[in-house]
Amino acid sequence: MADSENRVVYIREDLPPKVRDFVKLHELYHLKDQARSWVWREIKANAAAALKNPVGFIWCVVLSCTRDRLGLYWRRIKKGG
């Protein structure tokens, strides 16, 4: 999670190191991004972090393909943000 107000990111400690590094890059990107659309913000943050850590990105995608996580994404898309 990126806290733009305090300029700090929070990352789960139980992630594998490569995934943790990818998530860190992803969340740090959010601190500087000014886009309004959450979809566009996520695309840009994922792309920027994936270019620097492609293995972490792929591993993160694999770990994110759980029923609960996919349900969370689906609810967020339906809600519109």
PDB file of N, CA and C in Angstrom:
ATOM      1  N   MET A   1       0.839  -1.172   0.000  1.00  0.00           N
ATOM      2  CA  MET A   1       0.000   0.000   0.000  1.00  0.00           C
ATOM      3  C   MET A   1       0.884   1.236   0.000  1.00  0.00           C
ATOM      4  N   ALA A   2       0.521   2.218  -0.807  1.00  0.00           N
ATOM      5  CA  ALA A   2       1.258   3.482  -0.859  1.00  0.00           C
ATOM      6  C   ALA A   2       0.471   4.558  -0.121  1.00  0.00           C
ATOM      7  N   ASP A   3       1.115   5.213   0.817  1.00  0.00           N
ATOM      8  CA  ASP A   3       0.524   6.326   1.559  1.00  0.00           C
ATOM      9  C   ASP A   3       1.132   7.612   0.996  1.00  0.00           C
ATOM     10  N   SER A   4       0.428   8.204   0.038  1.00  0.00           N
ATOM     11  CA  SER A   4       0.955   9.383  -0.654  1.00  0.00           C
ATOM     12  C   SER A   4       1.130  10.573   0.278  1.00  0.00           C
ATOM     13  N   GLU A   5       0.248  10.711   1.237  1.00  0.00           N
ATOM     14  CA  GLU A   5       0.311  11.846   2.158  1.00  0.00           C
ATOM     15  C   GLU A   5       1.603  11.845   2.972  1.00  0.00           C
ATOM     16  N   ASN A   6       1.991  10.665   3.453  1.00  0.00           N
ATOM     17  CA  ASN A   6       3.201  10.548   4.272  1.00  0.00           C
ATOM     18  C   ASN A   6       4.422  10.079   3.482  1.00  0.00           C
ATOM     19  N   ARG A   7       4.220   9.823   2.173  1.00  0.00           N
ATOM     20  CA  ARG A   7       5.311   9.417   1.279  1.00  0.00           C
ATOM     21  C   ARG A   7       6.003   8.142   1.777  1.00  0.00           C
ATOM     22  N   VAL A   8       5.181   7.144   2.118  1.00  0.00           N
ATOM     23  CA  VAL A   8       5.715   5.876   2.622  1.00  0.00           C
ATOM     24  C   VAL A   8       4.904   4.735   2.007  1.00  0.00           C
ATOM     25  N   VAL A   9       5.547   3.578   1.858  1.00  0.00           N
ATOM     26  CA  VAL A   9       4.851   2.392   1.353  1.00  0.00           C
ATOM     27  C   VAL A   9       4.909   1.302   2.411  1.00  0.00           C
ATOM     28  N   TYR A  10       3.870   0.469   2.395  1.00  0.00           N
ATOM     29  CA  TYR A  10       3.773  -0.661   3.311  1.00  0.00           C
ATOM     30  C   TYR A  10       3.691  -1.938   2.482  1.00  0.00           C
ATOM     31  N   ILE A  11       4.500  -2.917   2.839  1.00  0.00           N
ATOM     32  CA  ILE A  11       4.565  -4.168   2.090  1.00  0.00           C
ATOM     33  C   ILE A  11       4.526  -5.330   3.074  1.00  0.00           C
ATOM     34  N   ARG A  12       3.758  -6.362   2.736  1.00  0.00           N
ATOM     35  CA  ARG A  12       3.673  -7.550   3.581  1.00  0.00           C
ATOM     36  C   ARG A  12       5.054  -8.181   3.755  1.00  0.00           C
ATOM     37  N   GLU A  13       5.349  -8.601   4.957  1.00  0.00           N
ATOM     38  CA  GLU A  13       6.642  -9.207   5.251  1.00  0.00           C
ATOM     39  C   GLU A  13       6.730 -10.663   4.806  1.00  0.00           C
ATOM     40  N   ASP A  14       5.584 -11.315   4.589  1.00  0.00           N
ATOM     41  CA  ASP A  14       5.603 -12.746   4.291  1.00  0.00           C
ATOM     42  C   ASP A  14       5.751 -13.064   2.803  1.00  0.00           C
ATOM     43  N   LEU A  15       6.001 -12.061   1.981  1.00  0.00           N
ATOM     44  CA  LEU A  15       6.186 -12.288   0.546  1.00  0.00           C
ATOM     45  C   LEU A  15       7.592 -12.792   0.253  1.00  0.00           C
ATOM     46  N   PRO A  16       7.744 -13.609  -0.789  1.00  0.00           N
ATOM     47  CA  PRO A  16       9.099 -14.006  -1.210  1.00  0.00           C
ATOM     48  C   PRO A  16       9.903 -12.751  -1.595  1.00  0.00           C
ATOM     49  N   PRO A  17      11.208 -12.767  -1.407  1.00  0.00           N
ATOM     50  CA  PRO A  17      12.033 -11.576  -1.664  1.00  0.00           C
ATOM     51  C   PRO A  17      11.840 -10.936  -3.042  1.00  0.00           C
ATOM     52  N   LYS A  18      11.805 -11.719  -4.109  1.00  0.00           N
ATOM     53  CA  LYS A  18      11.632 -11.142  -5.455  1.00  0.00           C
ATOM     54  C   LYS A  18      10.270 -10.465  -5.588  1.00  0.00           C
ATOM     55  N   VAL A  19       9.250 -11.078  -5.021  1.00  0.00           N
ATOM     56  CA  VAL A  19       7.902 -10.493  -5.066  1.00  0.00           C
ATOM     57  C   VAL A  19       7.870  -9.220  -4.228  1.00  0.00           C
ATOM     58  N   ARG A  20       8.469  -9.269  -3.059  1.00  0.00           N
ATOM     59  CA  ARG A  20       8.532  -8.088  -2.181  1.00  0.00           C
ATOM     60  C   ARG A  20       9.235  -6.934  -2.888  1.00  0.00           C
ATOM     61  N   ASP A  21      10.315  -7.220  -3.602  1.00  0.00           N
ATOM     62  CA  ASP A  21      11.028  -6.173  -4.339  1.00  0.00           C
ATOM     63  C   ASP A  21      10.157  -5.589  -5.458  1.00  0.00           C
ATOM     64  N   PHE A  22       9.419  -6.460  -6.158  1.00  0.00           N
ATOM     65  CA  PHE A  22       8.517  -5.982  -7.206  1.00  0.00           C
ATOM     66  C   PHE A  22       7.424  -5.089  -6.613  1.00  0.00           C
ATOM     67  N   VAL A  23       6.803  -5.556  -5.525  1.00  0.00           N
ATOM     68  CA  VAL A  23       5.724  -4.785  -4.896  1.00  0.00           C
ATOM     69  C   VAL A  23       6.254  -3.433  -4.411  1.00  0.00           C
ATOM     70  N   LYS A  24       7.454  -3.420  -3.881  1.00  0.00           N
ATOM     71  CA  LYS A  24       8.065  -2.164  -3.434  1.00  0.00           C
ATOM     72  C   LYS A  24       8.200  -1.192  -4.601  1.00  0.00           C
ATOM     73  N   LEU A  25       8.725  -1.649  -5.719  1.00  0.00           N
ATOM     74  CA  LEU A  25       8.854  -0.795  -6.902  1.00  0.00           C
ATOM     75  C   LEU A  25       7.481  -0.306  -7.378  1.00  0.00           C
ATOM     76  N   HIS A  26       6.515  -1.204  -7.381  1.00  0.00           N
ATOM     77  CA  HIS A  26       5.143  -0.884  -7.791  1.00  0.00           C
ATOM     78  C   HIS A  26       4.562   0.230  -6.903  1.00  0.00           C
ATOM     79  N   GLU A  27       4.670   0.052  -5.603  1.00  0.00           N
ATOM     80  CA  GLU A  27       4.091   1.023  -4.668  1.00  0.00           C
ATOM     81  C   GLU A  27       4.849   2.352  -4.685  1.00  0.00           C
ATOM     82  N   LEU A  28       6.162   2.316  -4.829  1.00  0.00           N
ATOM     83  CA  LEU A  28       6.930   3.563  -4.931  1.00  0.00           C
ATOM     84  C   LEU A  28       6.515   4.349  -6.173  1.00  0.00           C
ATOM     85  N   TYR A  29       6.195   3.641  -7.253  1.00  0.00           N
ATOM     86  CA  TYR A  29       5.720   4.319  -8.457  1.00  0.00           C
ATOM     87  C   TYR A  29       4.421   5.078  -8.166  1.00  0.00           C
ATOM     88  N   HIS A  30       3.547   4.477  -7.372  1.00  0.00           N
ATOM     89  CA  HIS A  30       2.285   5.137  -7.028  1.00  0.00           C
ATOM     90  C   HIS A  30       2.505   6.472  -6.322  1.00  0.00           C
ATOM     91  N   LEU A  31       3.578   6.587  -5.556  1.00  0.00           N
ATOM     92  CA  LEU A  31       3.829   7.831  -4.830  1.00  0.00           C
ATOM     93  C   LEU A  31       4.028   9.027  -5.751  1.00  0.00           C
ATOM     94  N   LYS A  32       4.513   8.784  -6.960  1.00  0.00           N
ATOM     95  CA  LYS A  32       4.774   9.894  -7.880  1.00  0.00           C
ATOM     96  C   LYS A  32       3.751  10.010  -9.011  1.00  0.00           C
ATOM     97  N   ASP A  33       2.876   9.025  -9.135  1.00  0.00           N
ATOM     98  CA  ASP A  33       1.919   9.011 -10.238  1.00  0.00           C
ATOM     99  C   ASP A  33       0.764   9.978  -9.981  1.00  0.00           C
ATOM    100  N   GLN A  34       0.402  10.739 -10.987  1.00  0.00           N
ATOM    101  CA  GLN A  34      -0.686  11.715 -10.873  1.00  0.00           C
ATOM    102  C   GLN A  34      -1.935  11.322 -11.652  1.00  0.00           C
ATOM    103  N   ALA A  35      -1.939  10.147 -12.269  1.00  0.00           N
ATOM    104  CA  ALA A  35      -3.093   9.713 -13.063  1.00  0.00           C
ATOM    105  C   ALA A  35      -4.327   9.592 -12.163  1.00  0.00           C
ATOM    106  N   ARG A  36      -5.494   9.854 -12.729  1.00  0.00           N
ATOM    107  CA  ARG A  36      -6.732   9.793 -11.957  1.00  0.00           C
ATOM    108  C   ARG A  36      -7.400   8.424 -12.028  1.00  0.00           C
ATOM    109  N   SER A  37      -7.314   7.765 -13.143  1.00  0.00           N
ATOM    110  CA  SER A  37      -7.945   6.457 -13.318  1.00  0.00           C
ATOM    111  C   SER A  37      -7.157   5.385 -12.571  1.00  0.00           C
ATOM    112  N   TRP A  38      -7.829   4.650 -11.685  1.00  0.00           N
ATOM    113  CA  TRP A  38      -7.112   3.626 -10.932  1.00  0.00           C
ATOM    114  C   TRP A  38      -6.611   2.518 -11.848  1.00  0.00           C
ATOM    115  N   VAL A  39      -7.330   2.231 -12.920  1.00  0.00           N
ATOM    116  CA  VAL A  39      -6.879   1.198 -13.860  1.00  0.00           C
ATOM    117  C   VAL A  39      -5.573   1.634 -14.521  1.00  0.00           C
ATOM    118  N   TRP A  40      -5.537   2.853 -15.005  1.00  0.00           N
ATOM    119  CA  TRP A  40      -4.327   3.375 -15.656  1.00  0.00           C
ATOM    120  C   TRP A  40      -3.178   3.442 -14.661  1.00  0.00           C
ATOM    121  N   ARG A  41      -3.462   3.827 -13.415  1.00  0.00           N
ATOM    122  CA  ARG A  41      -2.415   3.880 -12.381  1.00  0.00           C
ATOM    123  C   ARG A  41      -1.816   2.484 -12.152  1.00  0.00           C
ATOM    124  N   GLU A  42      -2.663   1.474 -12.104  1.00  0.00           N
ATOM    125  CA  GLU A  42      -2.176   0.110 -11.881  1.00  0.00           C
ATOM    126  C   GLU A  42      -1.374  -0.400 -13.075  1.00  0.00           C
ATOM    127  N   ILE A  43      -1.848  -0.100 -14.281  1.00  0.00           N
ATOM    128  CA  ILE A  43      -1.113  -0.525 -15.480  1.00  0.00           C
ATOM    129  C   ILE A  43       0.279   0.092 -15.488  1.00  0.00           C
ATOM    130  N   LYS A  44       0.357   1.397 -15.240  1.00  0.00           N
ATOM    131  CA  LYS A  44       1.657   2.076 -15.255  1.00  0.00           C
ATOM    132  C   LYS A  44       2.579   1.581 -14.150  1.00  0.00           C
ATOM    133  N   ALA A  45       2.051   1.392 -12.941  1.00  0.00           N
ATOM    134  CA  ALA A  45       2.879   0.932 -11.824  1.00  0.00           C
ATOM    135  C   ALA A  45       3.386  -0.486 -12.080  1.00  0.00           C
ATOM    136  N   ASN A  46       2.528  -1.348 -12.622  1.00  0.00           N
ATOM    137  CA  ASN A  46       2.962  -2.708 -12.942  1.00  0.00           C
ATOM    138  C   ASN A  46       4.017  -2.717 -14.040  1.00  0.00           C
ATOM    139  N   ALA A  47       3.811  -1.931 -15.070  1.00  0.00           N
ATOM    140  CA  ALA A  47       4.769  -1.894 -16.178  1.00  0.00           C
ATOM    141  C   ALA A  47       6.132  -1.370 -15.714  1.00  0.00           C
ATOM    142  N   ALA A  48       6.124  -0.289 -14.957  1.00  0.00           N
ATOM    143  CA  ALA A  48       7.379   0.301 -14.485  1.00  0.00           C
ATOM    144  C   ALA A  48       8.145  -0.683 -13.598  1.00  0.00           C
ATOM    145  N   ALA A  49       7.430  -1.343 -12.686  1.00  0.00           N
ATOM    146  CA  ALA A  49       8.091  -2.292 -11.786  1.00  0.00           C
ATOM    147  C   ALA A  49       8.525  -3.557 -12.531  1.00  0.00           C
ATOM    148  N   ALA A  50       7.713  -4.014 -13.485  1.00  0.00           N
ATOM    149  CA  ALA A  50       8.043  -5.230 -14.241  1.00  0.00           C
ATOM    150  C   ALA A  50       9.293  -5.041 -15.097  1.00  0.00           C
ATOM    151  N   LEU A  51       9.487  -3.841 -15.614  1.00  0.00           N
ATOM    152  CA  LEU A  51      10.698  -3.580 -16.407  1.00  0.00           C
ATOM    153  C   LEU A  51      11.959  -3.706 -15.560  1.00  0.00           C
ATOM    154  N   LYS A  52      11.858  -3.378 -14.276  1.00  0.00           N
ATOM    155  CA  LYS A  52      13.014  -3.453 -13.382  1.00  0.00           C
ATOM    156  C   LYS A  52      13.153  -4.828 -12.711  1.00  0.00           C
ATOM    157  N   ASN A  53      12.044  -5.544 -12.589  1.00  0.00           N
ATOM    158  CA  ASN A  53      12.065  -6.829 -11.891  1.00  0.00           C
ATOM    159  C   ASN A  53      11.069  -7.791 -12.548  1.00  0.00           C
ATOM    160  N   PRO A  54      11.389  -8.284 -13.750  1.00  0.00           N
ATOM    161  CA  PRO A  54      10.441  -9.158 -14.454  1.00  0.00           C
ATOM    162  C   PRO A  54      10.158 -10.471 -13.734  1.00  0.00           C
ATOM    163  N   VAL A  55      11.139 -11.044 -13.061  1.00  0.00           N
ATOM    164  CA  VAL A  55      10.915 -12.298 -12.335  1.00  0.00           C
ATOM    165  C   VAL A  55       9.938 -12.071 -11.177  1.00  0.00           C
ATOM    166  N   GLY A  56      10.123 -10.979 -10.457  1.00  0.00           N
ATOM    167  CA  GLY A  56       9.208 -10.643  -9.361  1.00  0.00           C
ATOM    168  C   GLY A  56       7.803 -10.396  -9.858  1.00  0.00           C
ATOM    169  N   PHE A  57       7.672  -9.759 -11.024  1.00  0.00           N
ATOM    170  CA  PHE A  57       6.358  -9.508 -11.617  1.00  0.00           C
ATOM    171  C   PHE A  57       5.651 -10.823 -11.939  1.00  0.00           C
ATOM    172  N   ILE A  58       6.357 -11.725 -12.628  1.00  0.00           N
ATOM    173  CA  ILE A  58       5.753 -13.009 -13.010  1.00  0.00           C
ATOM    174  C   ILE A  58       5.353 -13.798 -11.772  1.00  0.00           C
ATOM    175  N   TRP A  59       6.212 -13.830 -10.777  1.00  0.00           N
ATOM    176  CA  TRP A  59       5.926 -14.543  -9.555  1.00  0.00           C
ATOM    177  C   TRP A  59       4.733 -13.917  -8.831  1.00  0.00           C
ATOM    178  N   CYS A  60       4.658 -12.603  -8.843  1.00  0.00           N
ATOM    179  CA  CYS A  60       3.535 -11.895  -8.223  1.00  0.00           C
ATOM    180  C   CYS A  60       2.223 -12.240  -8.924  1.00  0.00           C
ATOM    181  N   VAL A  61       2.239 -12.310 -10.247  1.00  0.00           N
ATOM    182  CA  VAL A  61       1.041 -12.688 -11.005  1.00  0.00           C
ATOM    183  C   VAL A  61       0.595 -14.090 -10.606  1.00  0.00           C
ATOM    184  N   VAL A  62       1.534 -15.011 -10.543  1.00  0.00           N
ATOM    185  CA  VAL A  62       1.202 -16.391 -10.177  1.00  0.00           C
ATOM    186  C   VAL A  62       0.589 -16.447  -8.774  1.00  0.00           C
ATOM    187  N   LEU A  63       1.202 -15.760  -7.826  1.00  0.00           N
ATOM    188  CA  LEU A  63       0.693 -15.773  -6.457  1.00  0.00           C
ATOM    189  C   LEU A  63      -0.644 -15.059  -6.326  1.00  0.00           C
ATOM    190  N   SER A  64      -0.942 -14.171  -7.258  1.00  0.00           N
ATOM    191  CA  SER A  64      -2.203 -13.418  -7.215  1.00  0.00           C
ATOM    192  C   SER A  64      -3.377 -14.164  -7.824  1.00  0.00           C
ATOM    193  N   CYS A  65      -3.131 -15.312  -8.392  1.00  0.00           N
ATOM    194  CA  CYS A  65      -4.195 -16.070  -9.069  1.00  0.00           C
ATOM    195  C   CYS A  65      -4.881 -17.054  -8.127  1.00  0.00           C
ATOM    196  N   THR A  66      -5.265 -16.569  -6.966  1.00  0.00           N
ATOM    197  CA  THR A  66      -6.045 -17.384  -6.041  1.00  0.00           C
ATOM    198  C   THR A  66      -7.507 -16.969  -6.153  1.00  0.00           C
ATOM    199  N   ARG A  67      -8.378 -17.818  -5.724  1.00  0.00           N
ATOM    200  CA  ARG A  67      -9.813 -17.519  -5.793  1.00  0.00           C
ATOM    201  C   ARG A  67     -10.152 -16.238  -5.017  1.00  0.00           C
ATOM    202  N   ASP A  68      -9.615 -16.114  -3.813  1.00  0.00           N
ATOM    203  CA  ASP A  68      -9.901 -14.924  -3.002  1.00  0.00           C
ATOM    204  C   ASP A  68      -9.388 -13.649  -3.663  1.00  0.00           C
ATOM    205  N   ARG A  69      -8.166 -13.711  -4.174  1.00  0.00           N
ATOM    206  CA  ARG A  69      -7.563 -12.524  -4.789  1.00  0.00           C
ATOM    207  C   ARG A  69      -8.301 -12.137  -6.064  1.00  0.00           C
ATOM    208  N   LEU A  70      -8.639 -13.118  -6.886  1.00  0.00           N
ATOM    209  CA  LEU A  70      -9.381 -12.829  -8.114  1.00  0.00           C
ATOM    210  C   LEU A  70     -10.762 -12.265  -7.791  1.00  0.00           C
ATOM    211  N   GLY A  71     -11.381 -12.758  -6.716  1.00  0.00           N
ATOM    212  CA  GLY A  71     -12.665 -12.212  -6.271  1.00  0.00           C
ATOM    213  C   GLY A  71     -12.538 -10.763  -5.849  1.00  0.00           C
ATOM    214  N   LEU A  72     -11.459 -10.445  -5.152  1.00  0.00           N
ATOM    215  CA  LEU A  72     -11.200  -9.062  -4.751  1.00  0.00           C
ATOM    216  C   LEU A  72     -11.073  -8.159  -5.978  1.00  0.00           C
ATOM    217  N   TYR A  73     -10.312  -8.610  -6.969  1.00  0.00           N
ATOM    218  CA  TYR A  73     -10.154  -7.818  -8.190  1.00  0.00           C
ATOM    219  C   TYR A  73     -11.501  -7.624  -8.882  1.00  0.00           C
ATOM    220  N   TRP A  74     -12.289  -8.694  -8.959  1.00  0.00           N
ATOM    221  CA  TRP A  74     -13.588  -8.619  -9.623  1.00  0.00           C
ATOM    222  C   TRP A  74     -14.520  -7.631  -8.912  1.00  0.00           C
ATOM    223  N   ARG A  75     -14.554  -7.688  -7.572  1.00  0.00           N
ATOM    224  CA  ARG A  75     -15.391  -6.743  -6.816  1.00  0.00           C
ATOM    225  C   ARG A  75     -14.943  -5.305  -7.030  1.00  0.00           C
ATOM    226  N   ARG A  76     -13.653  -5.098  -7.094  1.00  0.00           N
ATOM    227  CA  ARG A  76     -13.138  -3.745  -7.305  1.00  0.00           C
ATOM    228  C   ARG A  76     -13.499  -3.229  -8.701  1.00  0.00           C
ATOM    229  N   ILE A  77     -13.420  -4.094  -9.694  1.00  0.00           N
ATOM    230  CA  ILE A  77     -13.779  -3.696 -11.055  1.00  0.00           C
ATOM    231  C   ILE A  77     -15.270  -3.367 -11.133  1.00  0.00           C
ATOM    232  N   LYS A  78     -16.107  -4.206 -10.528  1.00  0.00           N
ATOM    233  CA  LYS A  78     -17.551  -3.958 -10.527  1.00  0.00           C
ATOM    234  C   LYS A  78     -17.906  -2.663  -9.819  1.00  0.00           C
ATOM    235  N   LYS A  79     -17.197  -2.373  -8.736  1.00  0.00           N
ATOM    236  CA  LYS A  79     -17.447  -1.164  -7.952  1.00  0.00           C
ATOM    237  C   LYS A  79     -16.985   0.082  -8.710  1.00  0.00           C
ATOM    238  N   GLY A  80     -16.008  -0.092  -9.583  1.00  0.00           N
ATOM    239  CA  GLY A  80     -15.502   1.037 -10.365  1.00  0.00           C
ATOM    240  C   GLY A  80     -14.391   1.807  -9.671  1.00  0.00           C
ATOM    241  N   GLY A  81     -13.730   1.226  -8.718  1.00  0.00           N
ATOM    242  CA  GLY A  81     -12.605   1.903  -8.090  1.00  0.00           C
ATOM    243  C   GLY A  81     -12.445   1.483  -6.725  1.00  0.00           C
TER     244      GLY A  81
END
